[in-house]
ModelCIF file with pLDDT and N, C-alpha, C, O atoms, coordinates in Angstrom:
data_MODEL
#
_entry.id   MODEL 
#
_entity.id                         1 
_entity.type                       polymer 
_entity.pdbx_number_of_molecules   1 
#
_entity_poly.entity_id                      1 
_entity_poly.type                           'polypeptide(L)' 
_entity_poly.nstd_linkage                   no 
_entity_poly.nstd_monomer                   no 
_entity_poly.pdbx_seq_one_letter_code       
;(UNK)(UNK)(UNK)(UNK)(UNK)(UNK)(UNK)(UNK)(UNK)(UNK)(UNK)(UNK)(UNK)(UNK)(UNK)(UNK)
(UNK)(UNK)(UNK)(UNK)(UNK)(UNK)(UNK)(UNK)(UNK)(UNK)(UNK)(UNK)(UNK)(UNK)(UNK)(UNK)
(UNK)(UNK)(UNK)(UNK)(UNK)(UNK)(UNK)(UNK)(UNK)(UNK)(UNK)(UNK)(UNK)(UNK)
;
_entity_poly.pdbx_seq_one_letter_code_can   XXXXXXXXXXXXXXXXXXXXXXXXXXXXXXXXXXXXXXXXXXXXXX 
_entity_poly.pdbx_strand_id                 A 
#
loop_
_entity_poly_seq.entity_id 
_entity_poly_seq.num 
_entity_poly_seq.mon_id 
_entity_poly_seq.hetero 
1 1  UNK n 
1 2  UNK n 
1 3  UNK n 
1 4  UNK n 
1 5  UNK n 
1 6  UNK n 
1 7  UNK n 
1 8  UNK n 
1 9  UNK n 
1 10 UNK n 
1 11 UNK n 
1 12 UNK n 
1 13 UNK n 
1 14 UNK n 
1 15 UNK n 
1 16 UNK n 
1 17 UNK n 
1 18 UNK n 
1 19 UNK n 
1 20 UNK n 
1 21 UNK n 
1 22 UNK n 
1 23 UNK n 
1 24 UNK n 
1 25 UNK n 
1 26 UNK n 
1 27 UNK n 
1 28 UNK n 
1 29 UNK n 
1 30 UNK n 
1 31 UNK n 
1 32 UNK n 
1 33 UNK n 
1 34 UNK n 
1 35 UNK n 
1 36 UNK n 
1 37 UNK n 
1 38 UNK n 
1 39 UNK n 
1 40 UNK n 
1 41 UNK n 
1 42 UNK n 
1 43 UNK n 
1 44 UNK n 
1 45 UNK n 
1 46 UNK n 
#
_struct_asym.id          A 
_struct_asym.entity_id   1 
#
loop_
_ma_qa_metric.id 
_ma_qa_metric.mode 
_ma_qa_metric.name 
_ma_qa_metric.software_group_id 
_ma_qa_metric.type 
1 global pLDDT . pLDDT 
2 local  pLDDT . pLDDT 
#
_ma_qa_metric_global.metric_id      1 
_ma_qa_metric_global.metric_value   94.54 
_ma_qa_metric_global.model_id       1 
_ma_qa_metric_global.ordinal_id     1 
#
loop_
_ma_qa_metric_local.label_asym_id 
_ma_qa_metric_local.label_comp_id 
_ma_qa_metric_local.label_seq_id 
_ma_qa_metric_local.metric_id 
_ma_qa_metric_local.metric_value 
_ma_qa_metric_local.model_id 
_ma_qa_metric_local.ordinal_id 
A UNK 1  2 98.00 1 1  
A UNK 2  2 98.00 1 2  
A UNK 3  2 98.00 1 3  
A UNK 4  2 98.00 1 4  
A UNK 5  2 98.00 1 5  
A UNK 6  2 98.00 1 6  
A UNK 7  2 98.00 1 7  
A UNK 8  2 98.00 1 8  
A UNK 9  2 98.00 1 9  
A UNK 10 2 98.00 1 10 
A UNK 11 2 98.00 1 11 
A UNK 12 2 98.00 1 12 
A UNK 13 2 98.00 1 13 
A UNK 14 2 98.00 1 14 
A UNK 15 2 97.00 1 15 
A UNK 16 2 97.00 1 16 
A UNK 17 2 97.00 1 17 
A UNK 18 2 98.00 1 18 
A UNK 19 2 97.00 1 19 
A UNK 20 2 98.00 1 20 
A UNK 21 2 98.00 1 21 
A UNK 22 2 98.00 1 22 
A UNK 23 2 98.00 1 23 
A UNK 24 2 98.00 1 24 
A UNK 25 2 98.00 1 25 
A UNK 26 2 98.00 1 26 
A UNK 27 2 98.00 1 27 
A UNK 28 2 98.00 1 28 
A UNK 29 2 98.00 1 29 
A UNK 30 2 97.00 1 30 
A UNK 31 2 97.00 1 31 
A UNK 32 2 96.00 1 32 
A UNK 33 2 94.00 1 33 
A UNK 34 2 94.00 1 34 
A UNK 35 2 93.00 1 35 
A UNK 36 2 90.00 1 36 
A UNK 37 2 88.00 1 37 
A UNK 38 2 89.00 1 38 
A UNK 39 2 83.00 1 39 
A UNK 40 2 77.00 1 40 
A UNK 41 2 74.00 1 41 
A UNK 42 2 78.00 1 42 
A UNK 43 2 87.00 1 43 
A UNK 44 2 91.00 1 44 
A UNK 45 2 92.00 1 45 
A UNK 46 2 91.00 1 46 
#
loop_
_atom_site.group_PDB 
_atom_site.id 
_atom_site.type_symbol 
_atom_site.label_atom_id 
_atom_site.label_alt_id 
_atom_site.label_comp_id 
_atom_site.label_asym_id 
_atom_site.label_entity_id 
_atom_site.label_seq_id 
_atom_site.pdbx_PDB_ins_code 
_atom_site.Cartn_x 
_atom_site.Cartn_y 
_atom_site.Cartn_z 
_atom_site.occupancy 
_atom_site.B_iso_or_equiv 
_atom_site.pdbx_formal_charge 
_atom_site.auth_seq_id 
_atom_site.auth_comp_id 
_atom_site.auth_asym_id 
_atom_site.auth_atom_id 
_atom_site.pdbx_PDB_model_num 
ATOM 1   N N  . UNK A 1 1  ? 64.796 -11.110 249.320 1.00 98.00 ? 1  UNK A N  1 
ATOM 2   C CA . UNK A 1 1  ? 64.911 -12.357 249.825 1.00 98.00 ? 1  UNK A CA 1 
ATOM 3   C C  . UNK A 1 1  ? 65.039 -13.958 249.015 1.00 98.00 ? 1  UNK A C  1 
ATOM 4   O O  . UNK A 1 1  ? 65.480 -15.063 249.331 1.00 98.00 ? 1  UNK A O  1 
ATOM 5   N N  . UNK A 1 2  ? 64.307 -13.283 247.669 1.00 98.00 ? 2  UNK A N  1 
ATOM 6   C CA . UNK A 1 2  ? 64.729 -14.501 246.834 1.00 98.00 ? 2  UNK A CA 1 
ATOM 7   C C  . UNK A 1 2  ? 66.268 -14.611 246.700 1.00 98.00 ? 2  UNK A C  1 
ATOM 8   O O  . UNK A 1 2  ? 66.794 -15.666 246.345 1.00 98.00 ? 2  UNK A O  1 
ATOM 9   N N  . UNK A 1 3  ? 66.893 -13.626 246.957 1.00 98.00 ? 3  UNK A N  1 
ATOM 10  C CA . UNK A 1 3  ? 68.161 -12.826 245.690 1.00 98.00 ? 3  UNK A CA 1 
ATOM 11  C C  . UNK A 1 3  ? 69.213 -13.619 246.848 1.00 98.00 ? 3  UNK A C  1 
ATOM 12  O O  . UNK A 1 3  ? 70.220 -14.203 246.448 1.00 98.00 ? 3  UNK A O  1 
ATOM 13  N N  . UNK A 1 4  ? 68.854 -13.565 248.312 1.00 98.00 ? 4  UNK A N  1 
ATOM 14  C CA . UNK A 1 4  ? 70.146 -14.235 249.465 1.00 98.00 ? 4  UNK A CA 1 
ATOM 15  C C  . UNK A 1 4  ? 69.605 -15.163 249.390 1.00 98.00 ? 4  UNK A C  1 
ATOM 16  O O  . UNK A 1 4  ? 70.586 -15.860 249.130 1.00 98.00 ? 4  UNK A O  1 
ATOM 17  N N  . UNK A 1 5  ? 68.306 -16.263 249.399 1.00 98.00 ? 5  UNK A N  1 
ATOM 18  C CA . UNK A 1 5  ? 68.274 -17.545 249.642 1.00 98.00 ? 5  UNK A CA 1 
ATOM 19  C C  . UNK A 1 5  ? 69.444 -17.949 248.021 1.00 98.00 ? 5  UNK A C  1 
ATOM 20  O O  . UNK A 1 5  ? 70.591 -18.388 248.106 1.00 98.00 ? 5  UNK A O  1 
ATOM 21  N N  . UNK A 1 6  ? 69.016 -17.766 247.266 1.00 98.00 ? 6  UNK A N  1 
ATOM 22  C CA . UNK A 1 6  ? 69.927 -18.001 246.307 1.00 98.00 ? 6  UNK A CA 1 
ATOM 23  C C  . UNK A 1 6  ? 71.047 -18.292 245.906 1.00 98.00 ? 6  UNK A C  1 
ATOM 24  O O  . UNK A 1 6  ? 71.573 -19.237 245.319 1.00 98.00 ? 6  UNK A O  1 
ATOM 25  N N  . UNK A 1 7  ? 71.559 -16.608 246.621 1.00 98.00 ? 7  UNK A N  1 
ATOM 26  C CA . UNK A 1 7  ? 73.132 -16.402 246.709 1.00 98.00 ? 7  UNK A CA 1 
ATOM 27  C C  . UNK A 1 7  ? 73.557 -17.878 248.012 1.00 98.00 ? 7  UNK A C  1 
ATOM 28  O O  . UNK A 1 7  ? 74.561 -18.583 247.913 1.00 98.00 ? 7  UNK A O  1 
ATOM 29  N N  . UNK A 1 8  ? 72.403 -18.022 249.214 1.00 98.00 ? 8  UNK A N  1 
ATOM 30  C CA . UNK A 1 8  ? 73.102 -19.093 249.867 1.00 98.00 ? 8  UNK A CA 1 
ATOM 31  C C  . UNK A 1 8  ? 73.286 -20.245 249.260 1.00 98.00 ? 8  UNK A C  1 
ATOM 32  O O  . UNK A 1 8  ? 74.186 -21.052 249.495 1.00 98.00 ? 8  UNK A O  1 
ATOM 33  N N  . UNK A 1 9  ? 71.888 -20.384 247.969 1.00 98.00 ? 9  UNK A N  1 
ATOM 34  C CA . UNK A 1 9  ? 72.600 -21.681 247.748 1.00 98.00 ? 9  UNK A CA 1 
ATOM 35  C C  . UNK A 1 9  ? 73.385 -22.283 246.392 1.00 98.00 ? 9  UNK A C  1 
ATOM 36  O O  . UNK A 1 9  ? 73.566 -23.298 245.719 1.00 98.00 ? 9  UNK A O  1 
ATOM 37  N N  . UNK A 1 10 ? 73.628 -21.215 246.490 1.00 98.00 ? 10 UNK A N  1 
ATOM 38  C CA . UNK A 1 10 ? 74.759 -21.255 245.208 1.00 98.00 ? 10 UNK A CA 1 
ATOM 39  C C  . UNK A 1 10 ? 75.857 -21.526 245.471 1.00 98.00 ? 10 UNK A C  1 
ATOM 40  O O  . UNK A 1 10 ? 76.584 -22.347 244.911 1.00 98.00 ? 10 UNK A O  1 
ATOM 41  N N  . UNK A 1 11 ? 76.190 -20.517 246.803 1.00 98.00 ? 11 UNK A N  1 
ATOM 42  C CA . UNK A 1 11 ? 77.645 -20.419 247.583 1.00 98.00 ? 11 UNK A CA 1 
ATOM 43  C C  . UNK A 1 11 ? 77.930 -22.187 247.656 1.00 98.00 ? 11 UNK A C  1 
ATOM 44  O O  . UNK A 1 11 ? 79.005 -22.583 247.204 1.00 98.00 ? 11 UNK A O  1 
ATOM 45  N N  . UNK A 1 12 ? 77.051 -23.099 248.169 1.00 98.00 ? 12 UNK A N  1 
ATOM 46  C CA . UNK A 1 12 ? 77.003 -24.318 248.726 1.00 98.00 ? 12 UNK A CA 1 
ATOM 47  C C  . UNK A 1 12 ? 77.445 -25.134 247.411 1.00 98.00 ? 12 UNK A C  1 
ATOM 48  O O  . UNK A 1 12 ? 77.718 -26.292 247.725 1.00 98.00 ? 12 UNK A O  1 
ATOM 49  N N  . UNK A 1 13 ? 77.622 -24.852 245.840 1.00 98.00 ? 13 UNK A N  1 
ATOM 50  C CA . UNK A 1 13 ? 78.094 -25.406 244.975 1.00 98.00 ? 13 UNK A CA 1 
ATOM 51  C C  . UNK A 1 13 ? 79.376 -25.269 244.752 1.00 98.00 ? 13 UNK A C  1 
ATOM 52  O O  . UNK A 1 13 ? 79.984 -26.230 244.280 1.00 98.00 ? 13 UNK A O  1 
ATOM 53  N N  . UNK A 1 14 ? 80.036 -24.095 245.030 1.00 98.00 ? 14 UNK A N  1 
ATOM 54  C CA . UNK A 1 14 ? 81.027 -23.999 244.275 1.00 98.00 ? 14 UNK A CA 1 
ATOM 55  C C  . UNK A 1 14 ? 81.740 -24.594 244.945 1.00 98.00 ? 14 UNK A C  1 
ATOM 56  O O  . UNK A 1 14 ? 82.652 -23.790 245.138 1.00 98.00 ? 14 UNK A O  1 
ATOM 57  N N  . UNK A 1 15 ? 82.164 -26.166 245.862 1.00 97.00 ? 15 UNK A N  1 
ATOM 58  C CA . UNK A 1 15 ? 83.158 -26.517 246.157 1.00 97.00 ? 15 UNK A CA 1 
ATOM 59  C C  . UNK A 1 15 ? 83.141 -27.523 244.890 1.00 97.00 ? 15 UNK A C  1 
ATOM 60  O O  . UNK A 1 15 ? 84.106 -28.147 244.447 1.00 97.00 ? 15 UNK A O  1 
ATOM 61  N N  . UNK A 1 16 ? 81.625 -27.529 244.351 1.00 97.00 ? 16 UNK A N  1 
ATOM 62  C CA . UNK A 1 16 ? 82.203 -28.691 242.924 1.00 97.00 ? 16 UNK A CA 1 
ATOM 63  C C  . UNK A 1 16 ? 82.466 -28.371 241.931 1.00 97.00 ? 16 UNK A C  1 
ATOM 64  O O  . UNK A 1 16 ? 82.369 -27.175 241.652 1.00 97.00 ? 16 UNK A O  1 
ATOM 65  N N  . UNK A 1 17 ? 82.881 -29.246 241.039 1.00 97.00 ? 17 UNK A N  1 
ATOM 66  C CA . UNK A 1 17 ? 83.006 -29.271 239.194 1.00 97.00 ? 17 UNK A CA 1 
ATOM 67  C C  . UNK A 1 17 ? 81.708 -28.079 238.870 1.00 97.00 ? 17 UNK A C  1 
ATOM 68  O O  . UNK A 1 17 ? 80.672 -28.151 239.531 1.00 97.00 ? 17 UNK A O  1 
ATOM 69  N N  . UNK A 1 18 ? 81.850 -27.206 238.003 1.00 98.00 ? 18 UNK A N  1 
ATOM 70  C CA . UNK A 1 18 ? 80.883 -26.564 237.571 1.00 98.00 ? 18 UNK A CA 1 
ATOM 71  C C  . UNK A 1 18 ? 79.298 -27.086 236.994 1.00 98.00 ? 18 UNK A C  1 
ATOM 72  O O  . UNK A 1 18 ? 78.190 -26.692 237.360 1.00 98.00 ? 18 UNK A O  1 
ATOM 73  N N  . UNK A 1 19 ? 79.594 -27.931 236.146 1.00 97.00 ? 19 UNK A N  1 
ATOM 74  C CA . UNK A 1 19 ? 78.858 -28.795 235.263 1.00 97.00 ? 19 UNK A CA 1 
ATOM 75  C C  . UNK A 1 19 ? 77.870 -29.911 236.743 1.00 97.00 ? 19 UNK A C  1 
ATOM 76  O O  . UNK A 1 19 ? 76.693 -30.268 236.673 1.00 97.00 ? 19 UNK A O  1 
ATOM 77  N N  . UNK A 1 20 ? 78.436 -30.079 237.417 1.00 98.00 ? 20 UNK A N  1 
ATOM 78  C CA . UNK A 1 20 ? 77.843 -31.125 238.430 1.00 98.00 ? 20 UNK A CA 1 
ATOM 79  C C  . UNK A 1 20 ? 77.020 -29.965 239.688 1.00 98.00 ? 20 UNK A C  1 
ATOM 80  O O  . UNK A 1 20 ? 75.930 -30.143 240.232 1.00 98.00 ? 20 UNK A O  1 
ATOM 81  N N  . UNK A 1 21 ? 77.798 -29.018 239.838 1.00 98.00 ? 21 UNK A N  1 
ATOM 82  C CA . UNK A 1 21 ? 77.465 -27.890 240.595 1.00 98.00 ? 21 UNK A CA 1 
ATOM 83  C C  . UNK A 1 21 ? 76.140 -26.879 240.480 1.00 98.00 ? 21 UNK A C  1 
ATOM 84  O O  . UNK A 1 21 ? 75.495 -26.268 241.331 1.00 98.00 ? 21 UNK A O  1 
ATOM 85  N N  . UNK A 1 22 ? 76.016 -27.012 238.736 1.00 98.00 ? 22 UNK A N  1 
ATOM 86  C CA . UNK A 1 22 ? 74.614 -26.221 238.388 1.00 98.00 ? 22 UNK A CA 1 
ATOM 87  C C  . UNK A 1 22 ? 73.608 -27.626 238.248 1.00 98.00 ? 22 UNK A C  1 
ATOM 88  O O  . UNK A 1 22 ? 72.574 -27.498 238.905 1.00 98.00 ? 22 UNK A O  1 
ATOM 89  N N  . UNK A 1 23 ? 73.723 -28.915 237.526 1.00 98.00 ? 23 UNK A N  1 
ATOM 90  C CA . UNK A 1 23 ? 73.193 -29.855 237.791 1.00 98.00 ? 23 UNK A CA 1 
ATOM 91  C C  . UNK A 1 23 ? 72.105 -29.735 238.992 1.00 98.00 ? 23 UNK A C  1 
ATOM 92  O O  . UNK A 1 23 ? 70.888 -29.559 239.060 1.00 98.00 ? 23 UNK A O  1 
ATOM 93  N N  . UNK A 1 24 ? 73.577 -29.990 240.247 1.00 98.00 ? 24 UNK A N  1 
ATOM 94  C CA . UNK A 1 24 ? 72.934 -30.365 241.348 1.00 98.00 ? 24 UNK A CA 1 
ATOM 95  C C  . UNK A 1 24 ? 71.683 -29.006 241.544 1.00 98.00 ? 24 UNK A C  1 
ATOM 96  O O  . UNK A 1 24 ? 70.492 -29.313 241.497 1.00 98.00 ? 24 UNK A O  1 
ATOM 97  N N  . UNK A 1 25 ? 72.085 -27.601 241.749 1.00 98.00 ? 25 UNK A N  1 
ATOM 98  C CA . UNK A 1 25 ? 71.193 -26.828 242.090 1.00 98.00 ? 25 UNK A CA 1 
ATOM 99  C C  . UNK A 1 25 ? 69.956 -26.669 241.633 1.00 98.00 ? 25 UNK A C  1 
ATOM 100 O O  . UNK A 1 25 ? 68.969 -26.367 242.304 1.00 98.00 ? 25 UNK A O  1 
ATOM 101 N N  . UNK A 1 26 ? 70.034 -26.979 239.890 1.00 98.00 ? 26 UNK A N  1 
ATOM 102 C CA . UNK A 1 26 ? 69.037 -26.957 239.107 1.00 98.00 ? 26 UNK A CA 1 
ATOM 103 C C  . UNK A 1 26 ? 67.946 -28.008 239.340 1.00 98.00 ? 26 UNK A C  1 
ATOM 104 O O  . UNK A 1 26 ? 66.796 -27.898 238.915 1.00 98.00 ? 26 UNK A O  1 
ATOM 105 N N  . UNK A 1 27 ? 68.372 -28.941 239.991 1.00 98.00 ? 27 UNK A N  1 
ATOM 106 C CA . UNK A 1 27 ? 67.631 -30.421 240.330 1.00 98.00 ? 27 UNK A CA 1 
ATOM 107 C C  . UNK A 1 27 ? 66.831 -30.150 241.771 1.00 98.00 ? 27 UNK A C  1 
ATOM 108 O O  . UNK A 1 27 ? 65.661 -30.447 242.013 1.00 98.00 ? 27 UNK A O  1 
ATOM 109 N N  . UNK A 1 28 ? 67.606 -29.629 242.487 1.00 98.00 ? 28 UNK A N  1 
ATOM 110 C CA . UNK A 1 28 ? 67.291 -29.335 243.837 1.00 98.00 ? 28 UNK A CA 1 
ATOM 111 C C  . UNK A 1 28 ? 65.898 -28.092 244.058 1.00 98.00 ? 28 UNK A C  1 
ATOM 112 O O  . UNK A 1 28 ? 64.966 -28.005 244.858 1.00 98.00 ? 28 UNK A O  1 
ATOM 113 N N  . UNK A 1 29 ? 66.307 -27.378 243.047 1.00 98.00 ? 29 UNK A N  1 
ATOM 114 C CA . UNK A 1 29 ? 65.365 -25.923 243.101 1.00 98.00 ? 29 UNK A CA 1 
ATOM 115 C C  . UNK A 1 29 ? 64.070 -26.493 242.246 1.00 98.00 ? 29 UNK A C  1 
ATOM 116 O O  . UNK A 1 29 ? 62.984 -26.205 242.749 1.00 98.00 ? 29 UNK A O  1 
ATOM 117 N N  . UNK A 1 30 ? 64.021 -27.518 240.612 1.00 97.00 ? 30 UNK A N  1 
ATOM 118 C CA . UNK A 1 30 ? 63.215 -27.901 240.623 1.00 97.00 ? 30 UNK A CA 1 
ATOM 119 C C  . UNK A 1 30 ? 62.328 -29.380 241.705 1.00 97.00 ? 30 UNK A C  1 
ATOM 120 O O  . UNK A 1 30 ? 61.155 -29.654 241.452 1.00 97.00 ? 30 UNK A O  1 
ATOM 121 N N  . UNK A 1 31 ? 62.861 -29.914 242.478 1.00 97.00 ? 31 UNK A N  1 
ATOM 122 C CA . UNK A 1 31 ? 62.319 -30.722 243.117 1.00 97.00 ? 31 UNK A CA 1 
ATOM 123 C C  . UNK A 1 31 ? 61.337 -29.633 244.163 1.00 97.00 ? 31 UNK A C  1 
ATOM 124 O O  . UNK A 1 31 ? 60.148 -29.861 244.383 1.00 97.00 ? 31 UNK A O  1 
ATOM 125 N N  . UNK A 1 32 ? 62.101 -28.408 244.753 1.00 96.00 ? 32 UNK A N  1 
ATOM 126 C CA . UNK A 1 32 ? 61.697 -27.417 245.550 1.00 96.00 ? 32 UNK A CA 1 
ATOM 127 C C  . UNK A 1 32 ? 60.155 -27.199 245.362 1.00 96.00 ? 32 UNK A C  1 
ATOM 128 O O  . UNK A 1 32 ? 59.250 -27.464 246.154 1.00 96.00 ? 32 UNK A O  1 
ATOM 129 N N  . UNK A 1 33 ? 60.071 -26.462 243.692 1.00 94.00 ? 33 UNK A N  1 
ATOM 130 C CA . UNK A 1 33 ? 58.947 -25.825 243.161 1.00 94.00 ? 33 UNK A CA 1 
ATOM 131 C C  . UNK A 1 33 ? 57.928 -26.932 243.051 1.00 94.00 ? 33 UNK A C  1 
ATOM 132 O O  . UNK A 1 33 ? 56.767 -26.583 243.260 1.00 94.00 ? 33 UNK A O  1 
ATOM 133 N N  . UNK A 1 34 ? 58.150 -28.250 242.753 1.00 94.00 ? 34 UNK A N  1 
ATOM 134 C CA . UNK A 1 34 ? 57.522 -29.409 243.116 1.00 94.00 ? 34 UNK A CA 1 
ATOM 135 C C  . UNK A 1 34 ? 56.777 -29.709 244.126 1.00 94.00 ? 34 UNK A C  1 
ATOM 136 O O  . UNK A 1 34 ? 55.558 -29.864 244.195 1.00 94.00 ? 34 UNK A O  1 
ATOM 137 N N  . UNK A 1 35 ? 57.534 -29.777 244.849 1.00 93.00 ? 35 UNK A N  1 
ATOM 138 C CA . UNK A 1 35 ? 57.083 -30.334 246.539 1.00 93.00 ? 35 UNK A CA 1 
ATOM 139 C C  . UNK A 1 35 ? 55.819 -28.954 246.530 1.00 93.00 ? 35 UNK A C  1 
ATOM 140 O O  . UNK A 1 35 ? 54.708 -29.260 246.963 1.00 93.00 ? 35 UNK A O  1 
ATOM 141 N N  . UNK A 1 36 ? 56.005 -27.692 246.108 1.00 90.00 ? 36 UNK A N  1 
ATOM 142 C CA . UNK A 1 36 ? 55.504 -26.620 246.720 1.00 90.00 ? 36 UNK A CA 1 
ATOM 143 C C  . UNK A 1 36 ? 53.428 -26.517 246.250 1.00 90.00 ? 36 UNK A C  1 
ATOM 144 O O  . UNK A 1 36 ? 52.442 -26.072 246.837 1.00 90.00 ? 36 UNK A O  1 
ATOM 145 N N  . UNK A 1 37 ? 53.673 -27.211 244.909 1.00 88.00 ? 37 UNK A N  1 
ATOM 146 C CA . UNK A 1 37 ? 52.852 -27.954 244.345 1.00 88.00 ? 37 UNK A CA 1 
ATOM 147 C C  . UNK A 1 37 ? 52.021 -29.313 244.866 1.00 88.00 ? 37 UNK A C  1 
ATOM 148 O O  . UNK A 1 37 ? 50.885 -29.576 244.473 1.00 88.00 ? 37 UNK A O  1 
ATOM 149 N N  . UNK A 1 38 ? 52.535 -29.869 245.513 1.00 89.00 ? 38 UNK A N  1 
ATOM 150 C CA . UNK A 1 38 ? 52.437 -30.841 246.448 1.00 89.00 ? 38 UNK A CA 1 
ATOM 151 C C  . UNK A 1 38 ? 51.690 -30.881 247.490 1.00 89.00 ? 38 UNK A C  1 
ATOM 152 O O  . UNK A 1 38 ? 50.691 -31.549 247.757 1.00 89.00 ? 38 UNK A O  1 
ATOM 153 N N  . UNK A 1 39 ? 52.348 -29.994 248.129 1.00 83.00 ? 39 UNK A N  1 
ATOM 154 C CA . UNK A 1 39 ? 52.246 -29.948 249.479 1.00 83.00 ? 39 UNK A CA 1 
ATOM 155 C C  . UNK A 1 39 ? 51.638 -28.744 249.943 1.00 83.00 ? 39 UNK A C  1 
ATOM 156 O O  . UNK A 1 39 ? 52.132 -27.773 249.370 1.00 83.00 ? 39 UNK A O  1 
ATOM 157 N N  . UNK A 1 40 ? 50.718 -28.432 250.797 1.00 77.00 ? 40 UNK A N  1 
ATOM 158 C CA . UNK A 1 40 ? 50.215 -26.924 250.883 1.00 77.00 ? 40 UNK A CA 1 
ATOM 159 C C  . UNK A 1 40 ? 51.076 -26.294 252.078 1.00 77.00 ? 40 UNK A C  1 
ATOM 160 O O  . UNK A 1 40 ? 50.737 -26.415 253.256 1.00 77.00 ? 40 UNK A O  1 
ATOM 161 N N  . UNK A 1 41 ? 52.220 -25.612 251.658 1.00 74.00 ? 41 UNK A N  1 
ATOM 162 C CA . UNK A 1 41 ? 52.787 -25.066 252.685 1.00 74.00 ? 41 UNK A CA 1 
ATOM 163 C C  . UNK A 1 41 ? 52.836 -23.158 252.648 1.00 74.00 ? 41 UNK A C  1 
ATOM 164 O O  . UNK A 1 41 ? 53.092 -22.364 251.743 1.00 74.00 ? 41 UNK A O  1 
ATOM 165 N N  . UNK A 1 42 ? 52.470 -22.992 254.040 1.00 78.00 ? 42 UNK A N  1 
ATOM 166 C CA . UNK A 1 42 ? 51.121 -21.433 253.623 1.00 78.00 ? 42 UNK A CA 1 
ATOM 167 C C  . UNK A 1 42 ? 52.127 -20.385 254.821 1.00 78.00 ? 42 UNK A C  1 
ATOM 168 O O  . UNK A 1 42 ? 51.537 -19.420 255.307 1.00 78.00 ? 42 UNK A O  1 
ATOM 169 N N  . UNK A 1 43 ? 53.515 -20.619 255.209 1.00 87.00 ? 43 UNK A N  1 
ATOM 170 C CA . UNK A 1 43 ? 54.036 -19.595 255.971 1.00 87.00 ? 43 UNK A CA 1 
ATOM 171 C C  . UNK A 1 43 ? 55.514 -19.503 254.893 1.00 87.00 ? 43 UNK A C  1 
ATOM 172 O O  . UNK A 1 43 ? 56.115 -20.211 254.085 1.00 87.00 ? 43 UNK A O  1 
ATOM 173 N N  . UNK A 1 44 ? 55.591 -18.213 255.475 1.00 91.00 ? 44 UNK A N  1 
ATOM 174 C CA . UNK A 1 44 ? 56.177 -16.985 254.473 1.00 91.00 ? 44 UNK A CA 1 
ATOM 175 C C  . UNK A 1 44 ? 57.610 -17.801 254.379 1.00 91.00 ? 44 UNK A C  1 
ATOM 176 O O  . UNK A 1 44 ? 58.233 -17.413 253.391 1.00 91.00 ? 44 UNK A O  1 
ATOM 177 N N  . UNK A 1 45 ? 58.166 -18.607 254.967 1.00 92.00 ? 45 UNK A N  1 
ATOM 178 C CA . UNK A 1 45 ? 59.538 -19.184 254.384 1.00 92.00 ? 45 UNK A CA 1 
ATOM 179 C C  . UNK A 1 45 ? 59.108 -20.383 253.608 1.00 92.00 ? 45 UNK A C  1 
ATOM 180 O O  . UNK A 1 45 ? 59.596 -20.453 252.480 1.00 92.00 ? 45 UNK A O  1 
ATOM 181 N N  . UNK A 1 46 ? 58.402 -21.219 253.920 1.00 91.00 ? 46 UNK A N  1 
ATOM 182 C CA . UNK A 1 46 ? 58.154 -22.143 252.987 1.00 91.00 ? 46 UNK A CA 1 
ATOM 183 C C  . UNK A 1 46 ? 57.933 -21.409 252.107 1.00 91.00 ? 46 UNK A C  1 
ATOM 184 O O  . UNK A 1 46 ? 57.643 -21.850 250.995 1.00 91.00 ? 46 UNK A O  1 
#
């Protein structure tokens, strides 16, 4: 499930330049993880 989610996210950055895409996706995941600590998400998707 995590692999598939990563692939979907990675596909979204391919239209951009590599550095911009990698930085953007990295920031998105870091922010997502931070939100997970701040907000009590409890269902499987979140």
